[in-house]
Amino acid sequence: MPLRPVEIDLTGPEGNAFALLGAAKQYAKLLSWDDERVNALISEMVTSDYENLVAAFDREFGSFVTLYR
């Protein structure tokens, strides 16, 4: 069974900042990131505004997650 591309509509409930933080933790776990790397990303994501959060998420997971508005 082929995997479907992952898409997140930033205007819907999955685009909520808390949902994106949860997704980041989930994808990091699937990629076997260590706790230090996960915590660094989460800290970066919550340091500034929503656009910063989205940019950090996209930088780390944009190769397999498509974000759209």
C-alpha atoms as a PDB file:
ATOM      1  CA  MET A   1       0.000   0.000   0.000  1.00  0.00           C
ATOM      2  CA  PRO A   2       1.627   3.297  -1.058  1.00  0.00           C
ATOM      3  CA  LEU A   3       1.936   6.094   1.474  1.00  0.00           C
ATOM      4  CA  ARG A   4      -0.120   9.196   0.855  1.00  0.00           C
ATOM      5  CA  PRO A   5       1.559  12.586   0.987  1.00  0.00           C
ATOM      6  CA  VAL A   6       1.022  14.444   4.246  1.00  0.00           C
ATOM      7  CA  GLU A   7      -0.798  17.758   3.812  1.00  0.00           C
ATOM      8  CA  ILE A   8      -1.730  20.240   6.515  1.00  0.00           C
ATOM      9  CA  ASP A   9      -4.218  23.046   5.887  1.00  0.00           C
ATOM     10  CA  LEU A  10      -2.967  25.911   8.020  1.00  0.00           C
ATOM     11  CA  THR A  11      -6.445  27.495   7.979  1.00  0.00           C
ATOM     12  CA  GLY A  12      -8.049  24.410   9.532  1.00  0.00           C
ATOM     13  CA  PRO A  13      -7.764  22.763  12.938  1.00  0.00           C
ATOM     14  CA  GLU A  14      -4.548  20.971  11.963  1.00  0.00           C
ATOM     15  CA  GLY A  15      -2.954  24.382  11.373  1.00  0.00           C
ATOM     16  CA  ASN A  16      -3.509  25.429  14.982  1.00  0.00           C
ATOM     17  CA  ALA A  17      -0.194  26.202  16.728  1.00  0.00           C
ATOM     18  CA  PHE A  18      -0.773  23.487  19.334  1.00  0.00           C
ATOM     19  CA  ALA A  19      -1.605  20.929  16.639  1.00  0.00           C
ATOM     20  CA  LEU A  20       1.592  21.806  14.753  1.00  0.00           C
ATOM     21  CA  LEU A  21       3.632  21.461  17.933  1.00  0.00           C
ATOM     22  CA  GLY A  22       2.100  18.027  18.498  1.00  0.00           C
ATOM     23  CA  ALA A  23       2.746  17.023  14.896  1.00  0.00           C
ATOM     24  CA  ALA A  24       6.364  18.174  15.195  1.00  0.00           C
ATOM     25  CA  LYS A  25       6.847  15.960  18.258  1.00  0.00           C
ATOM     26  CA  GLN A  26       5.195  13.031  16.483  1.00  0.00           C
ATOM     27  CA  TYR A  27       7.310  13.362  13.322  1.00  0.00           C
ATOM     28  CA  ALA A  28      10.490  13.854  15.348  1.00  0.00           C
ATOM     29  CA  LYS A  29       9.737  10.624  17.221  1.00  0.00           C
ATOM     30  CA  LEU A  30       9.130   8.781  13.941  1.00  0.00           C
ATOM     31  CA  LEU A  31      12.486  10.089  12.705  1.00  0.00           C
ATOM     32  CA  SER A  32      14.176   8.889  15.914  1.00  0.00           C
ATOM     33  CA  TRP A  33      15.300  12.337  17.006  1.00  0.00           C
ATOM     34  CA  ASP A  34      16.864  12.500  20.460  1.00  0.00           C
ATOM     35  CA  ASP A  35      15.170  14.545  23.196  1.00  0.00           C
ATOM     36  CA  GLU A  36      17.692  17.369  22.954  1.00  0.00           C
ATOM     37  CA  ARG A  37      16.962  17.937  19.264  1.00  0.00           C
ATOM     38  CA  VAL A  38      13.186  17.749  19.812  1.00  0.00           C
ATOM     39  CA  ASN A  39      13.344  20.208  22.706  1.00  0.00           C
ATOM     40  CA  ALA A  40      15.502  22.621  20.683  1.00  0.00           C
ATOM     41  CA  LEU A  41      12.980  22.611  17.832  1.00  0.00           C
ATOM     42  CA  ILE A  42       9.979  23.062  20.132  1.00  0.00           C
ATOM     43  CA  SER A  43      11.748  25.925  21.914  1.00  0.00           C
ATOM     44  CA  GLU A  44      12.476  27.591  18.582  1.00  0.00           C
ATOM     45  CA  MET A  45       8.878  27.127  17.447  1.00  0.00           C
ATOM     46  CA  VAL A  46       7.405  28.822  20.540  1.00  0.00           C
ATOM     47  CA  THR A  47       9.993  31.606  20.802  1.00  0.00           C
ATOM     48  CA  SER A  48       8.275  34.011  18.441  1.00  0.00           C
ATOM     49  CA  ASP A  49       5.033  34.326  16.487  1.00  0.00           C
ATOM     50  CA  TYR A  50       2.940  31.892  14.454  1.00  0.00           C
ATOM     51  CA  GLU A  51       4.842  32.569  11.229  1.00  0.00           C
ATOM     52  CA  ASN A  52       8.101  31.632  12.965  1.00  0.00           C
ATOM     53  CA  LEU A  53       6.475  28.432  14.240  1.00  0.00           C
ATOM     54  CA  VAL A  54       5.329  27.521  10.720  1.00  0.00           C
ATOM     55  CA  ALA A  55       8.732  28.344   9.207  1.00  0.00           C
ATOM     56  CA  ALA A  56      10.578  26.137  11.708  1.00  0.00           C
ATOM     57  CA  PHE A  57       8.117  23.288  11.139  1.00  0.00           C
ATOM     58  CA  ASP A  58       8.445  23.607   7.369  1.00  0.00           C
ATOM     59  CA  ARG A  59      12.236  23.732   7.516  1.00  0.00           C
ATOM     60  CA  GLU A  60      12.420  20.480   9.471  1.00  0.00           C
ATOM     61  CA  PHE A  61       9.534  18.501   7.978  1.00  0.00           C
ATOM     62  CA  GLY A  62       8.847  20.217   4.639  1.00  0.00           C
ATOM     63  CA  SER A  63      10.457  17.386   2.701  1.00  0.00           C
ATOM     64  CA  PHE A  64       7.446  15.166   3.460  1.00  0.00           C
ATOM     65  CA  VAL A  65       4.747  17.504   4.829  1.00  0.00           C
ATOM     66  CA  THR A  66       3.074  20.056   2.579  1.00  0.00           C
ATOM     67  CA  LEU A  67       1.688  23.099   4.362  1.00  0.00           C
ATOM     68  CA  TYR A  68      -0.928  25.185   2.583  1.00  0.00           C
ATOM     69  CA  ARG A  69      -3.339  28.031   3.314  1.00  0.00           C
END
